[in-house]
Amino acid sequence: MTASRDASLSAPVTAPWWRGAVIYQIYPRSFADADGDGVGDLAGITARLDHVAKLGVDGIWISPFFTSPMRDFGYDVADYCDVDPIFGTLADFDALVARAHELGLKVTIDQVYAHTSDLHPWFTQSRQGRDGDKADWYVWRDPKPDGTPPNNWQSVFGGPAWTWDARRRQYYMHTFLREQPQLNAHSPVVQDALLEAAKFWLDRGVDGFRLDALNHSMFDPQLRDNPPVADDGRVRTRPFDFQEKVFSQSHPDVALFVERIRKLCDRYDAIFTVAEVGGARAEIEMKEYTAGAHRLNSAYGFDFLYAESLTPALIRDTLAKWTGAPGEGWPSWAFENHDAPRAVSRWCAPEERAAFAPLKKMLLLALRGNVILYQGEELGLVQDDIPFELLQDPEAIANWPLTLSRDGVRTPMPWRVDAPNGGFTTGTPWLPMGAENLSRAVDVQEAEPTSLLHWTRSLLALRRATPALRLGSFEVIHADDDVLAFVRRHEGQAVAGLFNLSSRPVALPEGLAIAGQVLASVNGASLEEAGDLPGYGGLLVALPG
């Protein structure tokens, strides 16, 4: 693996810091544990930020660390404006932000606006009766005459999206766990409260937000039934998957709420907002939420996160949706995150991982858009196999064994191969770490110049120094079953990418000769080879001016 920078391609970048940025996602429970209780914390993150900064990323995204009963591990927020004691204190958060900024890292945090915990004081007040000042802050509806739920909507984690509450003699809606009641984000008063929470963190120095499940934040007020999906032969493991989510999410007014979020963020300098958008209308909604200069900066979906294989067609078709047309937003891409299985476990055979992982990394960092790297991706971590009796993930427990456990991608970061629990904690880790991932520990790869860790650093340096890779257009010039070729252009600079996404050597198609200076090469790929590209071979080439 080799990577070098072409000085002729380097130029001052005048775009906002977030455009083309690489963001490193930190799942705080599993990154680093400073107090030895087996759960990662904010002080642990601060202690390990040097590792993140040394990678050469632009910023971090920290998954929820707010006060929570942890039924869904922080995505059930009980207090938007405080730190859960398991992660530390507000002072710990302030120290984290200060250290990140010292190291030149921007700080992005999650905001969860679709629901709260059922232990949030707002919900505690809302469920007391139909006349209180927070009575309509959540989605309450009377039962049908026969006592059944108001409609057929289903929850992601199984069963109806409605739970009966005897105090109000009504059902409340929950798209996820019953302990995550749906906020009535249609209400301007609720929006005001959520924006106050955002302002709390902006005033503490955060540089942006990742907006969780944003398209789930509003629903059809008429509560019309969702229609069934067409039978396509796919095995469905959850009732949620049997419906087209036409009415239970993605109300057009979400875009108007987005404009309020952006207006607040514009009062602060260089703020970056990125929405998580899933579902059948993800592409449409991603563009709606990022259109023009009055909505969000970026959005990302699940094009790659749950894809069964990495193919030229997948890259071509996904990137083709974002052409850079006037007024179009800016996409973000992730191959892995805290909800999606490790890509090296999904996309190649175990014996191919050593060759596939560096190719995958080079391709991800060559895409147009922002890149989100999930913790441990720089080490090539694999999906850990968690036995049923050790599962923590409520979705995996409910749908065992047909749903891939999210726990397998949430296992602790391995820092030192010879330390107990890989140096993650001195206590008992909340999830076990597999031996294969321990063998990929940071200290092992730090000592090996050809490791994936060093390769990641070199690719990030190349992307940062090459405006065509960070900001350029993306034109696919060839895509067949195995080979993907594209050109990225920016202000007279051009970089070509040539990738063999199969494990076997392939002959390059006729007419696909690329000439120029090789910026990066993986698995023996070379311009000097007579028309052959080795298995999982890849090249980034600076084209002549």
Protein backbone atom coordinates (compact mmCIF):
# COMPACT_ATOMS: atom_id res chain seq x y z
CA MET A 1 0.00 0.00 0.00
CA THR A 2 1.44 3.35 -1.02
CA ALA A 3 0.09 6.86 -0.97
CA SER A 4 1.73 10.13 -1.88
CA ARG A 5 0.67 13.70 -2.42
CA ASP A 6 1.07 15.64 -5.66
CA ALA A 7 1.99 19.21 -4.83
CA SER A 8 0.43 20.38 -8.08
CA LEU A 9 -2.97 19.26 -6.77
CA SER A 10 -2.65 21.01 -3.44
CA ALA A 11 -4.40 24.35 -3.20
CA PRO A 12 -5.99 26.48 -0.49
CA VAL A 13 -9.51 25.25 0.27
CA THR A 14 -11.95 28.11 0.79
CA ALA A 15 -15.09 25.99 1.29
CA PRO A 16 -16.66 25.71 4.77
CA TRP A 17 -14.74 23.32 7.01
CA TRP A 18 -17.49 20.70 6.90
CA ARG A 19 -17.72 20.44 3.11
CA GLY A 20 -15.86 17.28 2.16
CA ALA A 21 -14.90 16.73 5.80
CA VAL A 22 -14.17 13.39 7.45
CA ILE A 23 -15.98 12.92 10.77
CA TYR A 24 -14.99 10.22 13.25
CA GLN A 25 -17.95 8.69 15.10
CA ILE A 26 -17.41 7.84 18.75
CA TYR A 27 -19.79 5.50 20.55
CA PRO A 28 -19.00 6.59 24.11
CA ARG A 29 -19.97 3.35 25.88
CA SER A 30 -17.28 1.50 23.93
CA PHE A 31 -14.46 3.93 23.17
CA ALA A 32 -12.47 4.29 26.40
CA ASP A 33 -13.30 3.84 30.07
CA ALA A 34 -11.49 6.19 32.46
CA ASP A 35 -13.10 5.17 35.75
CA GLY A 36 -12.94 1.37 35.46
CA ASP A 37 -16.66 0.62 35.66
CA GLY A 38 -16.66 -1.24 32.33
CA VAL A 39 -18.51 1.47 30.40
CA GLY A 40 -16.76 4.10 28.33
CA ASP A 41 -17.09 7.73 29.38
CA LEU A 42 -16.34 11.32 28.39
CA ALA A 43 -13.07 11.44 30.31
CA GLY A 44 -11.98 8.32 28.43
CA ILE A 45 -12.75 10.02 25.12
CA THR A 46 -10.73 13.07 26.13
CA ALA A 47 -7.78 10.89 27.10
CA ARG A 48 -7.80 9.21 23.67
CA LEU A 49 -8.44 12.24 21.44
CA ASP A 50 -4.78 12.32 20.40
CA HIS A 51 -5.39 9.07 18.51
CA VAL A 52 -8.31 10.62 16.65
CA ALA A 53 -6.48 13.83 15.84
CA LYS A 54 -3.45 11.90 14.59
CA LEU A 55 -5.66 10.17 12.04
CA GLY A 56 -6.16 13.52 10.31
CA VAL A 57 -9.95 13.72 10.51
CA ASP A 58 -11.74 17.07 10.70
CA GLY A 59 -14.01 16.38 13.63
CA ILE A 60 -15.82 13.92 15.85
CA TRP A 61 -19.45 12.92 16.29
CA ILE A 62 -20.28 11.65 19.77
CA SER A 63 -23.31 9.39 20.10
CA PRO A 64 -25.71 10.21 22.98
CA PHE A 65 -24.26 10.76 26.44
CA PHE A 66 -27.30 12.51 27.93
CA THR A 67 -29.19 11.53 31.07
CA SER A 68 -31.02 8.32 30.22
CA PRO A 69 -32.29 5.05 31.72
CA MET A 70 -30.39 3.40 28.83
CA ARG A 71 -33.25 1.27 27.55
CA ASP A 72 -31.93 2.12 24.07
CA PHE A 73 -28.47 3.13 25.27
CA GLY A 74 -28.89 6.89 25.27
CA TYR A 75 -31.34 7.32 22.42
CA ASP A 76 -34.02 7.44 25.12
CA VAL A 77 -33.21 10.86 26.55
CA ALA A 78 -34.47 11.78 30.02
CA ASP A 79 -32.74 15.18 30.13
CA TYR A 80 -31.53 16.92 26.97
CA CYS A 81 -29.29 19.31 28.92
CA ASP A 82 -27.23 17.09 31.20
CA VAL A 83 -24.73 14.23 31.10
CA ASP A 84 -25.69 10.81 32.37
CA PRO A 85 -23.57 9.98 35.44
CA ILE A 86 -22.32 6.81 33.76
CA PHE A 87 -20.52 9.06 31.24
CA GLY A 88 -19.43 11.79 33.66
CA THR A 89 -20.45 15.40 34.18
CA LEU A 90 -20.97 18.62 32.28
CA ALA A 91 -17.48 19.62 33.41
CA ASP A 92 -16.16 16.47 31.73
CA PHE A 93 -17.97 17.44 28.54
CA ASP A 94 -16.55 20.96 28.65
CA ALA A 95 -13.06 19.52 29.09
CA LEU A 96 -13.64 17.22 26.11
CA VAL A 97 -14.70 20.12 23.88
CA ALA A 98 -11.75 22.21 24.98
CA ARG A 99 -9.27 19.42 24.28
CA ALA A 100 -10.83 18.64 20.91
CA HIS A 101 -10.57 22.26 19.86
CA GLU A 102 -6.95 22.38 21.02
CA LEU A 103 -6.29 19.48 18.67
CA GLY A 104 -8.12 21.14 15.78
CA LEU A 105 -11.14 18.82 15.95
CA LYS A 106 -14.70 20.03 15.55
CA VAL A 107 -17.28 18.49 17.90
CA THR A 108 -20.64 17.22 16.67
CA ILE A 109 -23.17 15.63 19.02
CA ASP A 110 -26.43 13.77 18.59
CA GLN A 111 -29.81 15.39 18.99
CA VAL A 112 -32.85 13.11 19.28
CA TYR A 113 -36.01 15.00 18.36
CA ALA A 114 -38.43 12.20 17.48
CA HIS A 115 -38.91 10.87 21.01
CA THR A 116 -37.73 10.99 24.61
CA SER A 117 -37.51 8.50 27.44
CA ASP A 118 -40.74 7.76 29.26
CA LEU A 119 -38.85 9.01 32.34
CA HIS A 120 -38.35 12.48 30.89
CA PRO A 121 -40.16 15.06 33.07
CA TRP A 122 -42.06 16.24 29.99
CA PHE A 123 -43.66 12.82 29.58
CA THR A 124 -44.22 12.40 33.30
CA GLN A 125 -46.31 15.58 33.20
CA SER A 126 -47.97 14.73 29.90
CA ARG A 127 -49.32 11.40 31.09
CA GLN A 128 -50.94 12.87 34.21
CA GLY A 129 -53.99 14.08 32.34
CA ARG A 130 -55.44 15.68 29.25
CA ASP A 131 -55.49 19.25 30.58
CA GLY A 132 -51.92 19.98 31.72
CA ASP A 133 -49.58 22.40 29.99
CA LYS A 134 -47.68 19.49 28.44
CA ALA A 135 -50.74 17.37 27.68
CA ASP A 136 -50.16 17.59 23.93
CA TRP A 137 -46.34 17.42 23.95
CA TYR A 138 -46.59 13.73 23.00
CA VAL A 139 -48.82 11.82 20.61
CA TRP A 140 -51.91 10.67 22.50
CA ARG A 141 -55.03 9.23 20.90
CA ASP A 142 -58.24 7.57 22.03
CA PRO A 143 -58.73 3.87 21.30
CA LYS A 144 -61.05 2.61 18.60
CA PRO A 145 -64.53 1.71 19.86
CA ASP A 146 -63.36 -1.86 20.41
CA GLY A 147 -60.44 -0.72 22.57
CA THR A 148 -57.72 -1.47 20.02
CA PRO A 149 -54.99 1.03 19.02
CA PRO A 150 -55.90 4.05 16.87
CA ASN A 151 -54.38 2.58 13.68
CA ASN A 152 -52.16 -0.17 12.31
CA TRP A 153 -48.76 1.50 12.73
CA GLN A 154 -46.00 -0.81 13.95
CA SER A 155 -42.89 -0.10 16.02
CA VAL A 156 -39.36 -0.77 14.82
CA PHE A 157 -38.71 -3.07 17.77
CA GLY A 158 -41.81 -5.20 17.28
CA GLY A 159 -45.53 -4.93 17.95
CA PRO A 160 -47.92 -1.97 17.64
CA ALA A 161 -46.53 1.56 17.75
CA TRP A 162 -49.07 2.28 20.52
CA THR A 163 -49.09 1.57 24.26
CA TRP A 164 -52.11 2.00 26.52
CA ASP A 165 -51.81 4.34 29.49
CA ALA A 166 -54.54 3.98 32.10
CA ARG A 167 -53.97 7.42 33.64
CA ARG A 168 -55.10 9.20 30.50
CA ARG A 169 -57.20 6.29 29.23
CA GLN A 170 -55.47 6.79 25.89
CA TYR A 171 -52.76 5.24 23.78
CA TYR A 172 -49.42 6.96 23.25
CA MET A 173 -47.35 6.49 20.12
CA HIS A 174 -43.79 5.13 20.04
CA THR A 175 -41.97 4.33 16.82
CA PHE A 176 -39.26 2.50 18.74
CA LEU A 177 -39.43 1.07 22.29
CA ARG A 178 -42.52 1.62 24.41
CA GLU A 179 -40.13 3.46 26.73
CA GLN A 180 -39.51 5.99 23.92
CA PRO A 181 -42.77 7.94 23.57
CA GLN A 182 -43.16 9.98 20.41
CA LEU A 183 -42.81 13.74 20.78
CA ASN A 184 -45.46 15.85 19.09
CA ALA A 185 -42.95 17.79 17.00
CA HIS A 186 -45.82 19.32 15.03
CA SER A 187 -46.30 21.59 18.05
CA PRO A 188 -44.40 24.90 17.86
CA VAL A 189 -44.06 24.82 21.66
CA VAL A 190 -42.34 21.43 21.52
CA GLN A 191 -40.08 22.70 18.76
CA ASP A 192 -39.20 25.70 20.90
CA ALA A 193 -38.20 23.41 23.77
CA LEU A 194 -36.03 21.27 21.50
CA LEU A 195 -34.33 24.34 20.04
CA GLU A 196 -33.61 25.56 23.57
CA ALA A 197 -31.85 22.24 24.21
CA ALA A 198 -29.82 22.70 21.03
CA LYS A 199 -28.89 26.23 22.11
CA PHE A 200 -27.69 24.86 25.46
CA TRP A 201 -25.04 22.78 23.68
CA LEU A 202 -24.19 25.44 21.12
CA ASP A 203 -23.45 27.79 24.00
CA ARG A 204 -21.09 25.13 25.41
CA GLY A 205 -19.06 25.17 22.20
CA VAL A 206 -20.29 22.31 20.03
CA ASP A 207 -19.73 22.76 16.30
CA GLY A 208 -22.77 20.93 15.02
CA PHE A 209 -25.40 18.24 15.37
CA ARG A 210 -26.21 14.86 13.94
CA LEU A 211 -30.02 14.73 13.97
CA ASP A 212 -31.16 11.23 14.80
CA ALA A 213 -34.10 9.66 12.91
CA LEU A 214 -35.18 13.10 11.76
CA ASN A 215 -37.84 11.88 9.33
CA HIS A 216 -39.50 10.02 12.21
CA SER A 217 -40.16 13.28 14.04
CA MET A 218 -43.51 14.02 12.36
CA PHE A 219 -46.43 11.90 11.23
CA ASP A 220 -49.80 12.20 9.50
CA PRO A 221 -52.11 13.97 12.01
CA GLN A 222 -55.09 12.09 10.54
CA LEU A 223 -53.47 8.82 11.66
CA ARG A 224 -54.37 7.00 8.46
CA ASP A 225 -53.37 3.33 8.27
CA ASN A 226 -50.15 2.46 6.49
CA PRO A 227 -50.64 0.25 3.42
CA PRO A 228 -48.93 -3.17 3.25
CA VAL A 229 -45.74 -3.60 1.26
CA ALA A 230 -45.81 -5.66 -1.90
CA ASP A 231 -44.65 -9.25 -1.48
CA ASP A 232 -41.19 -9.38 -3.04
CA GLY A 233 -40.12 -12.69 -1.49
CA ARG A 234 -37.91 -11.00 1.09
CA VAL A 235 -37.83 -12.52 4.57
CA ARG A 236 -39.21 -9.99 7.04
CA THR A 237 -38.36 -10.39 10.70
CA ARG A 238 -40.35 -7.46 12.13
CA PRO A 239 -44.00 -6.37 11.78
CA PHE A 240 -42.56 -2.91 10.99
CA ASP A 241 -41.22 -4.27 7.70
CA PHE A 242 -44.64 -5.36 6.44
CA GLN A 243 -45.83 -1.77 5.93
CA GLU A 244 -45.09 1.14 3.64
CA LYS A 245 -44.43 3.95 6.11
CA VAL A 246 -46.57 6.42 4.16
CA PHE A 247 -48.31 8.02 7.13
CA SER A 248 -46.35 7.12 10.27
CA GLN A 249 -43.32 9.25 9.39
CA SER A 250 -41.90 11.79 6.92
CA HIS A 251 -44.59 14.47 7.14
CA PRO A 252 -43.77 17.44 4.86
CA ASP A 253 -43.63 19.79 7.86
CA VAL A 254 -40.32 18.21 8.93
CA ALA A 255 -38.67 20.47 6.34
CA LEU A 256 -40.14 23.55 8.04
CA PHE A 257 -38.76 22.42 11.40
CA VAL A 258 -35.40 21.93 9.69
CA GLU A 259 -35.46 25.59 8.69
CA ARG A 260 -35.89 26.59 12.32
CA ILE A 261 -32.92 24.40 13.31
CA ARG A 262 -30.75 25.96 10.62
CA LYS A 263 -31.80 29.50 11.60
CA LEU A 264 -30.67 28.84 15.17
CA CYS A 265 -27.39 27.28 14.07
CA ASP A 266 -26.63 30.21 11.78
CA ARG A 267 -26.43 32.41 14.86
CA TYR A 268 -23.24 30.51 15.72
CA ASP A 269 -20.09 30.32 13.63
CA ALA A 270 -19.29 27.44 11.25
CA ILE A 271 -22.02 25.10 12.47
CA PHE A 272 -22.46 21.73 10.77
CA THR A 273 -25.81 19.92 10.82
CA VAL A 274 -26.29 16.46 9.32
CA ALA A 275 -29.52 14.47 9.35
CA GLU A 276 -29.89 10.71 9.55
CA VAL A 277 -32.60 9.73 7.07
CA GLY A 278 -33.80 6.19 6.47
CA GLY A 279 -36.74 4.56 4.75
CA ALA A 280 -38.10 4.15 1.26
CA ARG A 281 -38.09 7.92 0.58
CA ALA A 282 -34.63 8.55 1.99
CA GLU A 283 -33.14 10.10 -1.15
CA ILE A 284 -36.08 12.48 -1.59
CA GLU A 285 -36.07 13.51 2.05
CA MET A 286 -32.29 13.90 2.23
CA LYS A 287 -32.56 16.41 -0.61
CA GLU A 288 -35.57 18.14 0.91
CA TYR A 289 -33.82 18.61 4.24
CA THR A 290 -30.62 19.99 2.65
CA ALA A 291 -32.00 22.09 -0.24
CA GLY A 292 -30.66 25.63 -0.51
CA ALA A 293 -28.89 27.69 2.13
CA HIS A 294 -31.77 27.75 4.63
CA ARG A 295 -31.88 24.06 5.54
CA LEU A 296 -29.34 21.53 6.82
CA ASN A 297 -25.77 21.28 5.58
CA SER A 298 -25.87 17.55 4.89
CA ALA A 299 -27.73 14.27 5.30
CA TYR A 300 -26.87 10.61 5.17
CA GLY A 301 -28.92 7.50 4.58
CA PHE A 302 -28.45 3.76 4.59
CA ASP A 303 -27.33 3.13 1.00
CA PHE A 304 -24.13 1.43 2.19
CA LEU A 305 -24.83 0.65 5.84
CA TYR A 306 -27.06 -2.34 5.14
CA ALA A 307 -25.91 -3.27 1.64
CA GLU A 308 -25.11 -6.97 1.33
CA SER A 309 -22.17 -6.39 -1.01
CA LEU A 310 -19.99 -3.56 -2.27
CA THR A 311 -20.34 -3.42 -6.05
CA PRO A 312 -19.50 -0.95 -8.81
CA ALA A 313 -23.21 -0.62 -9.51
CA LEU A 314 -23.96 0.30 -5.90
CA ILE A 315 -21.35 3.08 -5.95
CA ARG A 316 -22.42 4.31 -9.39
CA ASP A 317 -26.13 4.38 -8.63
CA THR A 318 -25.78 5.89 -5.16
CA LEU A 319 -23.42 8.70 -6.17
CA ALA A 320 -25.46 9.42 -9.30
CA LYS A 321 -28.31 10.64 -7.08
CA TRP A 322 -26.15 13.61 -6.04
CA THR A 323 -25.07 15.51 -9.14
CA GLY A 324 -24.19 18.85 -7.58
CA ALA A 325 -27.07 20.63 -9.30
CA PRO A 326 -27.74 24.24 -8.18
CA GLY A 327 -29.49 24.30 -4.81
CA GLU A 328 -28.80 20.63 -4.14
CA GLY A 329 -27.52 19.72 -0.69
CA TRP A 330 -24.33 17.91 0.20
CA PRO A 331 -24.35 14.18 1.01
CA SER A 332 -22.52 12.27 3.73
CA TRP A 333 -21.53 8.60 3.52
CA ALA A 334 -20.79 5.88 6.04
CA PHE A 335 -19.92 2.22 5.49
CA GLU A 336 -20.33 1.39 9.21
CA ASN A 337 -21.92 2.87 12.31
CA HIS A 338 -23.25 1.87 15.74
CA ASP A 339 -26.37 0.31 14.17
CA ALA A 340 -24.90 -1.41 11.10
CA PRO A 341 -22.66 -4.50 11.04
CA ARG A 342 -18.96 -4.08 10.30
CA ALA A 343 -18.42 -3.75 6.55
CA VAL A 344 -15.48 -6.16 6.40
CA SER A 345 -17.77 -8.83 7.87
CA ARG A 346 -20.55 -8.10 5.37
CA TRP A 347 -18.62 -7.56 2.16
CA CYS A 348 -15.89 -10.17 1.94
CA ALA A 349 -14.91 -13.65 3.08
CA PRO A 350 -12.83 -13.90 6.28
CA GLU A 351 -9.71 -14.92 4.38
CA GLU A 352 -10.01 -11.82 2.16
CA ARG A 353 -10.24 -9.19 4.89
CA ALA A 354 -6.56 -8.23 4.88
CA ALA A 355 -6.77 -7.31 1.20
CA PHE A 356 -10.30 -5.94 1.19
CA ALA A 357 -10.08 -3.56 4.16
CA PRO A 358 -7.48 -1.18 2.64
CA LEU A 359 -9.34 -1.11 -0.68
CA LYS A 360 -12.61 -0.34 1.07
CA LYS A 361 -10.94 2.50 2.98
CA MET A 362 -9.43 4.02 -0.16
CA LEU A 363 -12.76 3.90 -1.98
CA LEU A 364 -14.71 5.45 0.91
CA LEU A 365 -12.24 8.32 1.19
CA ALA A 366 -12.42 8.94 -2.57
CA LEU A 367 -16.20 9.50 -2.66
CA ARG A 368 -17.83 12.87 -3.21
CA GLY A 369 -19.41 14.06 0.01
CA ASN A 370 -18.53 13.96 3.66
CA VAL A 371 -17.16 10.72 5.10
CA ILE A 372 -18.15 9.33 8.48
CA LEU A 373 -15.65 6.86 9.92
CA TYR A 374 -16.91 4.69 12.76
CA GLN A 375 -14.54 4.02 15.65
CA GLY A 376 -12.34 1.01 14.96
CA GLU A 377 -12.86 1.22 11.21
CA GLU A 378 -9.30 2.51 10.95
CA LEU A 379 -8.21 -0.80 12.52
CA GLY A 380 -10.33 -3.04 10.30
CA LEU A 381 -12.39 -4.33 13.21
CA VAL A 382 -14.80 -7.17 12.42
CA GLN A 383 -18.30 -7.90 13.70
CA ASP A 384 -18.04 -9.58 17.08
CA ASP A 385 -20.29 -12.58 17.71
CA ILE A 386 -22.23 -11.96 20.93
CA PRO A 387 -24.00 -14.99 22.45
CA PHE A 388 -27.67 -14.54 23.29
CA GLU A 389 -27.12 -14.56 27.04
CA LEU A 390 -24.77 -11.54 26.74
CA LEU A 391 -26.88 -9.47 24.35
CA GLN A 392 -27.74 -5.93 25.42
CA ASP A 393 -29.44 -4.70 22.24
CA PRO A 394 -33.25 -4.70 22.72
CA GLU A 395 -33.90 -5.17 19.01
CA ALA A 396 -31.63 -8.21 18.78
CA ILE A 397 -33.16 -9.75 21.89
CA ALA A 398 -36.72 -9.22 20.58
CA ASN A 399 -36.00 -10.64 17.13
CA TRP A 400 -33.46 -13.34 17.96
CA PRO A 401 -31.95 -15.00 15.98
CA LEU A 402 -33.07 -13.46 12.68
CA THR A 403 -31.86 -9.88 13.27
CA LEU A 404 -28.16 -9.07 13.24
CA SER A 405 -27.20 -7.80 16.67
CA ARG A 406 -26.13 -4.19 16.90
CA ASP A 407 -24.03 -5.26 19.88
CA GLY A 408 -21.54 -6.90 17.53
CA VAL A 409 -20.46 -3.51 16.17
CA ARG A 410 -20.54 -1.83 19.60
CA THR A 411 -17.89 -3.91 21.35
CA PRO A 412 -14.98 -2.04 22.99
CA MET A 413 -12.09 -0.42 21.16
CA PRO A 414 -8.87 -2.44 21.52
CA TRP A 415 -6.05 -0.11 22.52
CA ARG A 416 -3.32 -2.47 23.81
CA VAL A 417 -3.03 -6.12 22.87
CA ASP A 418 -1.30 -7.14 26.11
CA ALA A 419 -3.55 -5.20 28.52
CA PRO A 420 -6.64 -6.61 30.24
CA ASN A 421 -9.69 -6.02 28.06
CA GLY A 422 -7.47 -4.51 25.40
CA GLY A 423 -6.79 -1.44 27.52
CA PHE A 424 -10.44 -0.35 27.23
CA THR A 425 -11.20 -0.75 30.94
CA THR A 426 -9.75 -2.10 34.16
CA GLY A 427 -13.19 -3.46 35.07
CA THR A 428 -15.55 -5.87 33.35
CA PRO A 429 -16.50 -4.46 29.93
CA TRP A 430 -20.21 -4.04 29.24
CA LEU A 431 -19.75 -6.13 26.08
CA PRO A 432 -16.99 -8.69 25.46
CA MET A 433 -14.19 -8.08 22.99
CA GLY A 434 -13.39 -10.85 20.53
CA ALA A 435 -9.87 -12.22 20.12
CA GLU A 436 -9.74 -11.28 16.45
CA ASN A 437 -10.39 -7.63 17.20
CA LEU A 438 -7.94 -7.67 20.08
CA SER A 439 -5.25 -8.77 17.63
CA ARG A 440 -5.94 -5.56 15.67
CA ALA A 441 -5.26 -3.30 18.68
CA VAL A 442 -3.98 0.23 18.17
CA ASP A 443 -0.53 -0.51 19.61
CA VAL A 444 -0.08 -3.51 17.31
CA GLN A 445 -0.87 -1.45 14.23
CA GLU A 446 1.09 1.55 15.44
CA ALA A 447 4.21 -0.62 15.44
CA GLU A 448 3.60 -1.94 11.91
CA PRO A 449 4.28 0.65 9.15
CA THR A 450 2.13 -1.21 6.61
CA SER A 451 -0.89 -1.55 8.91
CA LEU A 452 -4.39 -0.37 8.08
CA LEU A 453 -4.03 2.33 10.75
CA HIS A 454 -1.07 3.90 8.94
CA TRP A 455 -2.79 3.43 5.60
CA THR A 456 -5.84 5.30 6.91
CA ARG A 457 -3.67 8.20 8.03
CA SER A 458 -1.95 8.43 4.66
CA LEU A 459 -5.26 8.40 2.78
CA LEU A 460 -6.73 11.07 5.03
CA ALA A 461 -3.67 13.25 4.46
CA LEU A 462 -4.04 12.73 0.71
CA ARG A 463 -7.72 13.68 0.77
CA ARG A 464 -7.08 16.75 2.89
CA ALA A 465 -4.30 17.94 0.57
CA THR A 466 -6.19 17.29 -2.68
CA PRO A 467 -9.18 19.56 -3.37
CA ALA A 468 -10.31 17.31 -6.22
CA LEU A 469 -10.82 14.48 -3.70
CA ARG A 470 -12.35 16.66 -1.01
CA LEU A 471 -14.60 18.88 -3.12
CA GLY A 472 -14.58 17.67 -6.71
CA SER A 473 -17.34 16.38 -8.95
CA PHE A 474 -17.79 12.64 -9.38
CA GLU A 475 -18.13 11.13 -12.85
CA VAL A 476 -18.26 7.36 -13.31
CA ILE A 477 -16.52 6.41 -16.53
CA HIS A 478 -16.89 2.64 -16.17
CA ALA A 479 -18.78 0.20 -13.96
CA ASP A 480 -19.14 -3.51 -14.65
CA ASP A 481 -19.45 -6.53 -12.36
CA ASP A 482 -15.94 -6.05 -10.98
CA VAL A 483 -14.35 -2.77 -12.04
CA LEU A 484 -15.27 0.77 -11.06
CA ALA A 485 -13.57 3.78 -12.62
CA PHE A 486 -14.38 7.43 -12.00
CA VAL A 487 -12.90 10.90 -12.30
CA ARG A 488 -13.12 13.69 -9.75
CA ARG A 489 -12.54 17.27 -10.92
CA HIS A 490 -12.18 20.57 -9.11
CA GLU A 491 -10.98 23.89 -10.54
CA GLY A 492 -8.81 22.35 -13.25
CA GLN A 493 -7.54 19.49 -11.09
CA ALA A 494 -8.50 15.91 -11.86
CA VAL A 495 -8.02 12.61 -10.02
CA ALA A 496 -9.06 9.25 -11.44
CA GLY A 497 -10.03 6.26 -9.32
CA LEU A 498 -9.70 2.70 -10.58
CA PHE A 499 -10.92 -0.14 -8.35
CA ASN A 500 -11.31 -3.89 -8.71
CA LEU A 501 -14.02 -4.81 -6.20
CA SER A 502 -13.58 -8.53 -6.72
CA SER A 503 -11.02 -10.83 -5.10
CA ARG A 504 -9.68 -12.13 -8.41
CA PRO A 505 -7.42 -10.40 -10.96
CA VAL A 506 -9.30 -8.87 -13.87
CA ALA A 507 -8.32 -7.59 -17.27
CA LEU A 508 -9.14 -3.93 -17.70
CA PRO A 509 -11.85 -3.25 -20.28
CA GLU A 510 -10.59 -2.01 -23.61
CA GLY A 511 -10.26 1.75 -23.77
CA LEU A 512 -9.91 2.23 -20.01
CA ALA A 513 -6.24 3.12 -20.02
CA ILE A 514 -5.43 5.79 -17.40
CA ALA A 515 -2.19 7.75 -17.46
CA GLY A 516 -0.80 10.09 -14.84
CA GLN A 517 0.92 10.20 -11.46
CA VAL A 518 -0.11 7.51 -9.01
CA LEU A 519 -1.25 9.10 -5.74
CA ALA A 520 -2.25 5.87 -4.00
CA SER A 521 -2.02 2.19 -4.82
CA VAL A 522 -3.30 -0.84 -2.96
CA ASN A 523 -2.72 -4.60 -3.29
CA GLY A 524 -0.12 -4.31 -6.03
CA ALA A 525 -2.14 -2.24 -8.51
CA SER A 526 0.09 -0.40 -10.96
CA LEU A 527 -0.19 1.62 -14.14
CA GLU A 528 2.73 -0.38 -15.51
CA GLU A 529 0.79 -3.66 -15.51
CA ALA A 530 -0.30 -4.67 -18.99
CA GLY A 531 -4.02 -4.16 -18.61
CA ASP A 532 -4.49 -6.25 -15.46
CA LEU A 533 -5.81 -5.17 -12.10
CA PRO A 534 -5.08 -7.50 -9.15
CA GLY A 535 -7.78 -8.75 -6.82
CA TYR A 536 -8.98 -5.89 -4.60
CA GLY A 537 -6.50 -3.69 -6.42
CA GLY A 538 -7.03 0.04 -6.55
CA LEU A 539 -5.40 3.21 -7.81
CA LEU A 540 -5.87 6.93 -7.38
CA VAL A 541 -4.15 8.78 -10.20
CA ALA A 542 -3.52 12.50 -10.75
CA LEU A 543 -4.39 13.14 -14.38
CA PRO A 544 -2.27 15.49 -16.50
CA GLY A 545 -3.55 19.06 -16.70
